[in-house]
Protein backbone atom coordinates (compact mmCIF):
# COMPACT_ATOMS: atom_id res chain seq x y z
CA MET A 1 28.70 13.29 -18.64
CA SER A 2 27.58 9.62 -17.90
CA CYS A 3 25.08 7.99 -20.21
CA PRO A 4 21.60 8.09 -18.64
CA ILE A 5 21.02 4.47 -19.43
CA HIS A 6 23.72 3.43 -16.91
CA SER A 7 21.67 5.38 -14.30
CA VAL A 8 18.31 3.70 -14.73
CA ASN A 9 18.96 1.64 -11.71
CA ALA A 10 18.69 4.75 -9.49
CA LEU A 11 14.95 4.94 -10.31
CA LEU A 12 13.81 1.38 -9.93
CA ALA A 13 11.40 2.07 -6.88
CA GLN A 14 8.08 0.55 -8.11
CA LEU A 15 7.92 -1.34 -11.41
CA ALA A 16 4.43 -0.28 -12.37
CA PRO A 17 2.83 0.11 -15.91
CA ALA A 18 1.63 2.95 -17.75
CA ALA A 19 -1.23 0.91 -19.14
CA PRO A 20 -4.04 -0.65 -16.99
CA GLN A 21 -4.35 -4.26 -16.05
CA GLY A 22 -7.19 -6.65 -16.91
CA PRO A 23 -10.03 -7.41 -14.45
CA ALA A 24 -9.36 -9.93 -11.84
CA ALA A 25 -10.78 -13.46 -12.03
CA VAL A 26 -13.41 -14.55 -9.51
CA GLU A 27 -13.62 -18.26 -8.53
CA ALA A 28 -14.28 -20.40 -5.46
CA THR A 29 -11.11 -21.75 -3.72
CA GLY A 30 -9.56 -23.27 -0.75
CA LEU A 31 -6.19 -23.61 0.85
CA VAL A 32 -3.74 -26.27 0.03
CA HIS A 33 -0.43 -27.30 1.65
CA PRO A 34 2.35 -25.28 0.09
CA HIS A 35 5.16 -27.06 -1.73
CA PRO A 36 7.85 -24.40 -2.37
CA ARG A 37 10.99 -25.29 -4.26
CA PRO A 38 14.08 -25.91 -1.99
CA ALA A 39 15.96 -22.74 -1.73
CA THR A 40 19.10 -24.23 -3.21
CA ALA A 41 17.40 -25.67 -6.32
CA ARG A 42 18.23 -24.24 -9.81
CA ARG A 43 15.79 -24.14 -12.65
CA ALA A 44 16.69 -25.41 -16.08
CA GLU A 45 16.99 -22.89 -18.85
CA PRO A 46 15.45 -20.51 -19.76
CA GLU A 47 15.53 -18.59 -16.48
CA ALA A 48 13.66 -15.57 -17.61
CA PRO A 49 11.28 -14.31 -20.30
CA PRO A 50 12.81 -13.24 -23.60
CA ALA A 51 13.85 -9.59 -23.58
CA HIS A 52 14.11 -6.87 -26.27
CA TRP A 53 17.72 -6.50 -27.39
CA LEU A 54 17.69 -2.74 -26.25
CA LEU A 55 14.76 -2.14 -24.01
CA GLY A 56 15.00 -5.35 -22.06
CA HIS A 57 11.68 -6.21 -20.31
CA LEU A 58 10.41 -2.59 -20.45
CA PRO A 59 7.71 -3.42 -23.18
CA ASP A 60 6.36 -6.25 -20.94
CA MET A 61 6.25 -4.04 -17.84
CA LYS A 62 4.57 -1.25 -19.65
CA ARG A 63 1.96 -3.49 -21.19
CA ASP A 64 0.77 -5.33 -18.13
CA LEU A 65 2.97 -5.34 -15.02
CA LEU A 66 0.79 -7.42 -12.76
CA GLY A 67 0.27 -10.03 -15.52
CA PHE A 68 4.06 -10.04 -16.12
CA TYR A 69 4.78 -10.66 -12.39
CA GLU A 70 2.26 -13.58 -12.42
CA ARG A 71 3.92 -15.13 -15.66
CA CYS A 72 7.39 -14.85 -14.12
CA GLU A 73 6.36 -16.48 -10.91
CA ARG A 74 4.41 -19.26 -12.65
CA ASP A 75 6.94 -20.13 -15.37
CA PHE A 76 10.27 -19.16 -13.87
CA GLY A 77 9.84 -19.56 -10.12
CA ALA A 78 11.92 -18.39 -7.09
CA VAL A 79 14.30 -15.82 -8.77
CA VAL A 80 13.89 -14.18 -12.22
CA PRO A 81 16.80 -12.13 -13.60
CA LEU A 82 15.36 -9.29 -15.69
CA ARG A 83 16.68 -6.20 -17.40
CA LEU A 84 15.77 -2.51 -18.12
CA TYR A 85 17.93 -1.36 -21.00
CA ASN A 86 21.22 -2.85 -19.78
CA VAL A 87 20.55 -2.62 -16.07
CA ARG A 88 19.82 -5.85 -14.25
CA PHE A 89 17.27 -6.44 -11.47
CA TYR A 90 15.86 -9.51 -10.02
CA LEU A 91 12.27 -10.61 -9.28
CA VAL A 92 12.23 -12.69 -6.09
CA ASN A 93 9.05 -14.77 -5.64
CA ASP A 94 10.22 -17.41 -3.05
CA PRO A 95 8.98 -16.68 0.56
CA GLU A 96 12.11 -17.98 2.16
CA TRP A 97 14.27 -15.76 0.10
CA ILE A 98 11.93 -12.80 0.81
CA ARG A 99 12.30 -13.46 4.51
CA ARG A 100 16.03 -13.47 4.35
CA ILE A 101 16.18 -10.31 2.39
CA LEU A 102 13.72 -8.39 4.55
CA VAL A 103 14.64 -9.97 7.97
CA THR A 104 17.86 -11.94 8.27
CA ASP A 105 19.93 -9.92 5.80
CA ASP A 106 18.20 -6.66 6.17
CA ALA A 107 21.36 -4.86 6.92
CA LEU A 108 22.79 -5.72 3.55
CA PHE A 109 20.15 -3.86 1.70
CA VAL A 110 18.74 -0.30 1.58
CA LYS A 111 15.43 0.95 0.38
CA PRO A 112 15.04 1.31 -3.39
CA THR A 113 16.92 4.38 -4.45
CA GLY A 114 14.17 4.95 -6.98
CA LEU A 115 12.37 6.69 -4.26
CA GLN A 116 14.48 9.57 -5.22
CA ALA A 117 11.86 9.92 -8.12
CA VAL A 118 9.38 11.22 -5.57
CA LYS A 119 11.67 12.92 -3.21
CA PRO A 120 10.37 16.33 -4.33
CA LEU A 121 7.01 15.37 -2.64
CA LEU A 122 8.02 12.91 0.16
CA GLY A 123 11.34 14.61 1.22
CA GLU A 124 13.09 12.70 4.01
CA GLY A 125 9.89 11.21 5.51
CA LEU A 126 9.96 7.73 7.00
CA VAL A 127 9.00 6.06 3.71
CA SER A 128 11.86 7.47 1.68
CA SER A 129 14.63 8.11 4.33
CA ASP A 130 17.40 5.58 5.22
CA GLY A 131 20.47 5.03 7.38
CA GLU A 132 20.89 6.68 10.78
CA TYR A 133 18.35 9.42 10.05
CA TRP A 134 15.69 6.75 9.38
CA ARG A 135 16.54 4.81 12.48
CA ARG A 136 16.18 7.86 14.64
CA GLN A 137 12.83 8.91 13.25
CA ARG A 138 11.41 5.32 13.36
CA ALA A 139 12.46 5.02 17.12
CA LEU A 140 10.79 8.48 17.80
CA MET A 141 7.55 7.59 16.06
CA GLN A 142 7.27 3.92 17.05
CA PRO A 143 5.57 4.58 20.55
CA CYS A 144 2.64 6.13 18.68
CA PHE A 145 1.96 2.98 16.90
CA HIS A 146 1.99 0.54 19.79
CA LYS A 147 -1.24 -1.44 20.30
CA LYS A 148 -2.47 0.45 23.26
CA MET A 149 -2.02 3.78 21.44
CA VAL A 150 -3.51 2.43 18.34
CA ASP A 151 -6.65 1.16 20.04
CA GLY A 152 -7.08 4.65 21.38
CA TYR A 153 -7.47 5.96 17.90
CA ALA A 154 -10.75 4.12 17.42
CA ASP A 155 -12.73 7.08 18.73
CA ALA A 156 -11.13 9.17 15.92
CA VAL A 157 -12.30 6.50 13.42
CA THR A 158 -15.87 6.63 14.64
CA ARG A 159 -16.08 10.46 14.67
CA CYS A 160 -14.81 10.58 11.06
CA MET A 161 -17.43 8.18 9.80
CA GLY A 162 -20.26 10.57 10.65
CA THR A 163 -19.70 12.71 7.56
CA LEU A 164 -19.51 9.70 5.44
CA PHE A 165 -22.85 8.39 6.71
CA GLU A 166 -24.45 11.76 5.97
CA ARG A 167 -23.41 11.58 2.38
CA TRP A 168 -24.55 7.95 1.97
CA ASP A 169 -27.91 8.76 3.64
CA ALA A 170 -28.45 11.71 1.22
CA ALA A 171 -27.53 9.96 -2.07
CA SER A 172 -28.04 6.47 -3.33
CA LYS A 173 -25.20 6.37 -5.86
CA ARG A 174 -21.52 6.97 -4.68
CA ASN A 175 -18.07 6.40 -6.02
CA VAL A 176 -16.73 4.26 -3.10
CA PRO A 177 -12.99 4.86 -3.64
CA ALA A 178 -13.48 8.72 -3.45
CA ASP A 179 -15.60 8.27 -0.22
CA MET A 180 -13.06 6.03 1.33
CA SER A 181 -10.22 8.42 0.53
CA ASP A 182 -12.05 11.22 2.35
CA VAL A 183 -12.79 9.26 5.42
CA THR A 184 -9.32 7.58 5.79
CA LEU A 185 -7.56 10.94 5.20
CA ASP A 186 -9.66 12.41 7.99
CA VAL A 187 -8.83 9.36 10.25
CA VAL A 188 -4.94 9.84 9.79
CA ALA A 189 -5.20 13.61 10.24
CA ARG A 190 -7.36 13.36 13.45
CA ALA A 191 -5.74 10.28 14.99
CA LEU A 192 -2.01 11.09 14.50
CA PHE A 193 -1.98 14.84 14.28
CA GLY A 194 -5.03 16.03 16.07
CA ILE A 195 -6.14 18.31 13.19
CA ASP A 196 -9.02 18.89 10.88
CA ILE A 197 -7.76 18.30 7.42
CA THR A 198 -10.72 20.09 5.67
CA ALA A 199 -8.75 23.20 4.60
CA ALA A 200 -5.78 21.19 3.44
CA ARG A 201 -7.78 18.45 1.72
CA PRO A 202 -7.78 20.01 -1.92
CA ALA A 203 -3.97 20.42 -1.66
CA ALA A 204 -3.47 16.88 -0.45
CA TYR A 205 -5.54 15.41 -3.34
CA GLY A 206 -3.88 17.70 -5.80
CA ALA A 207 -0.43 16.44 -4.75
CA LEU A 208 -1.64 12.78 -4.99
CA ARG A 209 -2.93 13.31 -8.54
CA ALA A 210 0.26 15.16 -9.58
CA VAL A 211 2.64 12.34 -8.25
CA GLN A 212 0.42 9.69 -9.93
CA GLU A 213 0.78 11.60 -13.31
CA PHE A 214 4.55 12.01 -12.56
CA PHE A 215 4.75 8.25 -12.28
CA VAL A 216 2.80 7.55 -15.43
CA SER A 217 5.13 9.86 -17.34
CA TRP A 218 8.21 8.22 -15.88
CA ARG A 219 7.08 4.74 -16.52
CA GLN A 220 7.07 5.43 -20.27
CA HIS A 221 10.82 5.13 -20.13
CA TYR A 222 12.20 4.61 -16.67
CA LEU A 223 15.00 7.08 -17.26
CA PRO A 224 16.37 9.32 -14.65
CA LEU A 225 15.06 12.66 -15.90
CA PRO A 226 15.62 15.49 -13.25
CA ILE A 227 12.51 17.17 -11.87
CA TRP A 228 13.64 20.44 -13.49
CA VAL A 229 13.20 18.90 -17.03
CA PRO A 230 10.31 20.92 -18.43
CA LEU A 231 7.67 18.09 -18.82
CA GLU A 232 4.07 18.78 -18.00
CA ALA A 233 4.07 16.11 -15.31
CA HIS A 234 7.05 17.69 -13.69
CA ARG A 235 5.50 21.21 -13.74
CA LYS A 236 2.18 19.78 -12.28
CA LEU A 237 4.16 18.02 -9.45
CA ARG A 238 6.16 21.27 -8.56
CA ARG A 239 2.93 23.29 -8.39
CA ALA A 240 1.18 20.64 -6.32
CA VAL A 241 4.14 20.38 -3.92
CA GLU A 242 4.02 24.23 -3.41
CA ALA A 243 0.38 24.18 -2.63
CA LEU A 244 0.62 21.25 -0.36
CA ASP A 245 3.54 22.72 1.54
CA GLU A 246 1.66 25.97 2.13
CA SER A 247 -1.19 24.06 3.79
CA ILE A 248 1.10 21.69 5.83
CA TYR A 249 3.33 24.48 7.09
CA ALA A 250 0.24 26.35 8.27
CA ILE A 251 -0.78 23.40 10.20
CA ILE A 252 2.68 22.97 11.79
CA ASP A 253 3.00 26.77 12.63
CA ALA A 254 -0.36 26.67 14.34
CA ARG A 255 0.44 23.67 16.52
CA ARG A 256 3.87 25.03 17.36
CA ASP A 257 2.38 28.35 18.56
CA SER A 258 -0.45 26.69 20.48
CA PRO A 259 -0.05 26.36 24.29
CA ALA A 260 -2.42 23.43 24.48
CA SER A 261 -0.79 20.13 25.53
CA ARG A 262 -1.62 17.07 23.26
CA ASP A 263 -0.59 13.51 23.01
CA ASP A 264 -0.23 12.74 19.36
CA LEU A 265 2.48 12.16 16.75
CA LEU A 266 2.82 15.72 15.80
CA SER A 267 3.19 16.82 19.42
CA ARG A 268 5.77 14.06 20.06
CA LEU A 269 7.89 15.16 17.07
CA LEU A 270 7.76 18.75 18.13
CA GLU A 271 8.77 17.90 21.67
CA ALA A 272 11.65 15.68 20.58
CA SER A 273 13.12 18.40 18.26
CA ARG A 274 12.80 21.23 20.83
CA GLY A 275 16.04 23.20 20.77
CA ASP A 276 17.00 22.12 17.15
CA ASP A 277 17.33 24.41 14.25
CA PRO A 278 13.72 25.84 13.56
CA GLY A 279 14.07 25.63 9.81
CA GLN A 280 15.35 21.96 9.87
CA VAL A 281 12.57 21.06 12.36
CA ARG A 282 9.97 22.68 10.22
CA ARG A 283 11.00 20.75 7.17
CA MET A 284 11.27 17.40 9.10
CA LEU A 285 7.75 17.81 10.42
CA ARG A 286 6.46 18.67 6.94
CA ASP A 287 8.12 15.50 5.49
CA GLU A 288 6.63 13.16 8.15
CA LEU A 289 3.10 14.70 7.92
CA VAL A 290 3.15 14.43 4.06
CA VAL A 291 4.25 10.76 4.13
CA MET A 292 1.71 9.73 6.84
CA MET A 293 -1.21 11.64 5.32
CA LEU A 294 -0.69 10.67 1.57
CA ALA A 295 0.64 7.13 2.01
CA GLY A 296 -1.27 6.19 5.15
CA HIS A 297 -4.62 7.15 3.87
CA GLU A 298 -4.34 5.84 0.36
CA THR A 299 -3.48 2.32 1.23
CA SER A 300 -6.51 1.97 3.58
CA ALA A 301 -8.82 3.58 1.13
CA ALA A 302 -7.84 1.10 -1.61
CA ALA A 303 -8.24 -1.91 0.68
CA LEU A 304 -11.76 -0.69 1.87
CA SER A 305 -12.87 -0.08 -1.72
CA TRP A 306 -11.78 -3.59 -2.77
CA ALA A 307 -13.50 -5.24 0.28
CA LEU A 308 -16.84 -3.62 -0.44
CA PHE A 309 -16.46 -4.41 -4.12
CA GLU A 310 -15.81 -8.11 -3.42
CA LEU A 311 -18.52 -8.32 -0.68
CA ALA A 312 -21.19 -6.87 -3.08
CA ARG A 313 -20.26 -9.58 -5.74
CA HIS A 314 -20.25 -12.45 -3.26
CA PRO A 315 -23.66 -12.33 -1.49
CA GLN A 316 -22.84 -15.47 0.85
CA ALA A 317 -19.66 -13.79 2.16
CA MET A 318 -21.64 -10.51 2.72
CA ALA A 319 -24.44 -12.56 4.49
CA THR A 320 -22.02 -14.35 6.77
CA LEU A 321 -20.15 -11.18 7.66
CA ARG A 322 -23.34 -9.31 8.38
CA GLU A 323 -24.77 -12.04 10.52
CA GLU A 324 -21.57 -11.81 12.65
CA ILE A 325 -21.75 -8.05 12.81
CA ASP A 326 -25.45 -8.03 13.73
CA ARG A 327 -24.90 -10.58 16.50
CA VAL A 328 -21.91 -8.85 18.10
CA LEU A 329 -22.81 -5.25 17.64
CA GLU A 330 -26.62 -5.28 17.92
CA GLY A 331 -26.88 -2.13 15.93
CA ARG A 332 -24.35 0.05 17.68
CA ALA A 333 -20.99 1.39 16.35
CA PRO A 334 -18.05 -0.99 16.58
CA THR A 335 -15.20 -0.37 19.01
CA ALA A 336 -11.63 -1.70 19.32
CA GLU A 337 -12.76 -4.04 22.01
CA ASP A 338 -15.31 -5.60 19.59
CA LEU A 339 -12.70 -6.79 16.92
CA PRO A 340 -11.61 -10.04 18.69
CA ARG A 341 -15.22 -11.19 18.58
CA LEU A 342 -15.47 -10.53 14.80
CA PRO A 343 -13.26 -13.30 13.23
CA TYR A 344 -15.01 -13.53 10.03
CA LEU A 345 -14.37 -9.82 9.55
CA ALA A 346 -10.79 -10.45 10.00
CA HIS A 347 -10.77 -13.22 7.39
CA VAL A 348 -12.52 -10.74 4.94
CA VAL A 349 -9.88 -8.25 5.48
CA ARG A 350 -7.07 -10.71 5.25
CA GLU A 351 -8.45 -12.11 1.98
CA THR A 352 -8.86 -8.68 0.56
CA LEU A 353 -5.24 -7.85 1.27
CA ARG A 354 -4.19 -11.12 -0.20
CA LEU A 355 -5.90 -10.57 -3.55
CA TYR A 356 -5.38 -6.79 -3.65
CA PRO A 357 -2.24 -5.87 -1.52
CA SER A 358 -2.12 -2.06 -1.49
CA LEU A 359 1.67 -2.46 -1.73
CA TYR A 360 1.74 -4.80 -4.71
CA ASN A 361 5.57 -4.98 -4.77
CA MET A 362 8.46 -3.80 -2.65
CA GLY A 363 12.14 -3.36 -3.52
CA ARG A 364 15.46 -3.41 -1.81
CA VAL A 365 18.89 -2.37 -3.28
CA ALA A 366 22.00 -4.52 -2.36
CA THR A 367 24.89 -2.79 -0.74
CA VAL A 368 27.29 -5.83 -1.06
CA PRO A 369 27.45 -8.67 -3.57
CA TYR A 370 24.52 -11.02 -2.61
CA THR A 371 23.87 -14.57 -4.03
CA ILE A 372 20.37 -15.75 -4.57
CA GLU A 373 19.86 -19.15 -6.20
CA GLY A 374 23.15 -18.98 -8.02
CA HIS A 375 22.59 -15.40 -9.27
CA THR A 376 24.80 -12.66 -7.86
CA VAL A 377 23.25 -9.34 -7.15
CA ARG A 378 25.81 -6.73 -7.42
CA PRO A 379 25.94 -3.57 -5.20
CA GLY A 380 23.47 -1.03 -6.44
CA GLU A 381 21.23 -3.51 -8.24
CA ASN A 382 17.64 -3.94 -7.17
CA VAL A 383 15.63 -6.99 -5.93
CA ILE A 384 11.83 -6.73 -6.38
CA MET A 385 9.54 -8.75 -4.17
CA PRO A 386 5.95 -8.72 -5.66
CA GLN A 387 3.29 -9.40 -3.19
CA TRP A 388 0.85 -9.48 -6.09
CA SER A 389 2.31 -12.61 -7.68
CA VAL A 390 3.32 -14.38 -4.49
CA HIS A 391 -0.15 -13.95 -2.89
CA ARG A 392 -1.71 -15.39 -6.01
CA SER A 393 0.72 -18.31 -6.52
CA HIS A 394 -0.58 -21.89 -7.23
CA ARG A 395 2.39 -22.96 -5.03
CA TYR A 396 0.72 -21.79 -1.89
CA TYR A 397 -3.08 -21.42 -2.74
CA ASP A 398 -5.59 -23.36 -4.54
CA ASP A 399 -7.61 -21.41 -7.11
CA PRO A 400 -5.69 -18.29 -5.85
CA HIS A 401 -7.64 -15.65 -7.82
CA ALA A 402 -10.81 -16.34 -5.91
CA PHE A 403 -12.26 -14.26 -3.08
CA LEU A 404 -12.97 -16.78 -0.32
CA PRO A 405 -12.45 -15.48 3.32
CA GLU A 406 -13.23 -19.05 4.48
CA ARG A 407 -9.76 -20.11 3.35
CA TRP A 408 -8.32 -18.58 6.49
CA THR A 409 -10.37 -20.66 8.83
CA SER A 410 -8.57 -23.95 7.91
CA ASP A 411 -5.84 -25.38 10.11
CA ARG A 412 -3.95 -25.65 6.87
CA ALA A 413 -3.59 -21.87 6.75
CA ARG A 414 -0.87 -22.23 9.46
CA THR A 415 1.32 -24.21 7.10
CA LEU A 416 1.79 -21.35 4.84
CA PRO A 417 5.36 -19.94 4.81
CA LYS A 418 5.46 -16.69 6.61
CA PHE A 419 6.27 -14.64 3.51
CA ALA A 420 3.82 -16.27 1.33
CA TYR A 421 1.42 -13.55 2.78
CA PHE A 422 3.18 -10.11 3.44
CA PRO A 423 0.82 -7.25 2.61
CA PHE A 424 2.76 -4.80 4.94
CA GLY A 425 6.23 -6.02 4.20
CA GLY A 426 8.40 -7.35 6.99
CA GLY A 427 11.52 -7.12 9.02
CA PRO A 428 12.79 -3.91 10.73
CA ARG A 429 11.27 -1.71 8.03
CA ASN A 430 7.81 -3.22 7.99
CA CYS A 431 5.03 -0.71 7.61
CA ILE A 432 4.95 1.31 10.94
CA GLY A 433 1.21 1.95 10.51
CA ALA A 434 0.02 -1.58 9.99
CA GLN A 435 -1.85 -1.92 13.13
CA LEU A 436 -3.56 1.40 12.69
CA ALA A 437 -4.39 0.47 9.21
CA MET A 438 -5.96 -2.89 10.24
CA LEU A 439 -7.91 -1.13 13.00
CA GLU A 440 -9.25 1.44 10.65
CA ILE A 441 -10.16 -0.90 7.93
CA LYS A 442 -12.05 -3.34 10.31
CA LEU A 443 -13.96 -0.63 12.13
CA ILE A 444 -14.98 1.15 9.01
CA LEU A 445 -15.97 -2.14 7.25
CA ALA A 446 -17.96 -3.26 10.28
CA ALA A 447 -19.74 0.05 10.59
CA THR A 448 -20.64 0.30 6.82
CA VAL A 449 -21.62 -3.33 6.29
CA GLY A 450 -23.74 -3.21 9.34
CA ARG A 451 -25.59 -0.11 8.30
CA TYR A 452 -25.86 -0.21 4.52
CA ASP A 453 -26.71 -2.54 1.47
CA PHE A 454 -24.33 -2.39 -1.41
CA GLN A 455 -24.91 -3.05 -5.09
CA VAL A 456 -22.36 -2.56 -7.91
CA GLU A 457 -23.87 -0.03 -10.34
CA GLU A 458 -22.91 -1.92 -13.45
CA PRO A 459 -22.29 -5.53 -12.40
CA GLY A 460 -20.91 -6.45 -15.82
CA ALA A 461 -18.47 -3.62 -16.12
CA ALA A 462 -14.84 -4.43 -15.73
CA VAL A 463 -13.13 -3.13 -12.57
CA TYR A 464 -9.39 -3.71 -12.85
CA PRO A 465 -6.45 -3.08 -10.45
CA GLU A 466 -4.17 -0.23 -11.38
CA ALA A 467 -0.58 -0.64 -10.22
CA ALA A 468 -0.05 3.06 -9.36
CA LEU A 469 1.08 4.33 -5.94
CA THR A 470 -1.28 1.70 -4.47
CA LEU A 471 -3.39 -1.06 -6.11
CA ARG A 472 -6.50 1.01 -6.91
CA PRO A 473 -9.74 -0.23 -8.46
CA MET A 474 -10.12 1.55 -11.80
CA PRO A 475 -12.05 3.34 -13.31
CA GLY A 476 -13.65 3.38 -9.85
CA VAL A 477 -16.41 1.48 -8.03
CA PRO A 478 -19.78 3.23 -8.42
CA MET A 479 -22.23 1.56 -6.14
CA ARG A 480 -25.86 2.02 -5.16
CA ILE A 481 -25.86 2.34 -1.39
CA ARG A 482 -29.00 2.27 0.76
CA ARG A 483 -29.76 2.14 4.48
CA ARG A 484 -30.54 -1.49 5.65
CA GLU A 485 -33.96 -2.20 6.87
CA LEU A 486 -33.30 -3.79 10.24
CA ARG A 487 -35.93 -6.03 11.72
């Protein structure tokens, strides 16, 4: 039997800590011309932080992953060779190298094989699959995410906000991330699958909690322990998957037996697989629904929570945004057609995703030897591209920890290298739901800011980003919310 240490590389999907990060800094800032190092330049020694003789950089990653990313980018630059036990991987912070890996040389890499860690939950959905199967599924689903189709989902977003407004009108104190999770899960379910998710909501949230606990358990060691190993996190994950599968399969069976004709992603997948093996089709549909519902709603919920948190702490930004919303909407609900006339809203969303990218890092695995800045990445080794540290780099932004939407109004913003800002990834495998996420975030933010006042319940309390499945605000964002008094 092979030593498990030699197999750690198979589980390097997301390098996230078991311990929380510190609160983010808040300063005023502006944009400066970027001055990245030439792609061919080599740094003087040392090239990486010191490592434990046996554990490598595991103690640093567990202690404060996001801070570790920032230190590596600040002190060691474009490419930082790191180690877990005796397995090498590379932190890539240079936008030009990120572009090459994700776009130019995409065919030389595959998705991080560490996604095997959550295959019991995700199955072969679009996020976790690869190769020809991934290409076929991506081509099949892509038409449902073209701009014309996405704009048509705006009505679903508006309908889903009704329940949220009822809650906020009835109670003054709310935990914003929980409310945002509810509304964004409803949006994904209605827009893409034409379903009411109410009955399956407990199972979906149970699965999310279980997979988060699973990751916390795994991140204590990053060793490839099979799911059948009798750990409590593994048992919870298996039970949660069983409960979620029961709910999802009920939705699939009801739609398959329905004579009604619909134009949504679920119907498109059913039609395309007509005549295939029923058992395989049922499993394929299950995998895609799980990925879209769990991953799709959680990223948007985190972004909305961070946006409202920062706006509540920055009264001038809130006032500027609200003036724009009031002038354009005049008290009515926003539509997709309104969004081009709300430029400051777009700047707020962009700045939120710069500071708090829901996908705080992304990985690829080399399939052939690949040389970066003199380092040879061997087949099977990982490269990690952290949005967190690139988005907060002094090389591209002045006072990068500040929340300042105005930075994006400067002409100098156009001088940024393309991959100095990449919240949705890039290249052929960029996030398929990016346009839907942006539509959803902007519509919900415009509707809530135009209708309510927000006050952080404990202004001095620390709210820090937890690098879990997404970059979530922890321990939550309790706010006092009240209807605005419109003159």
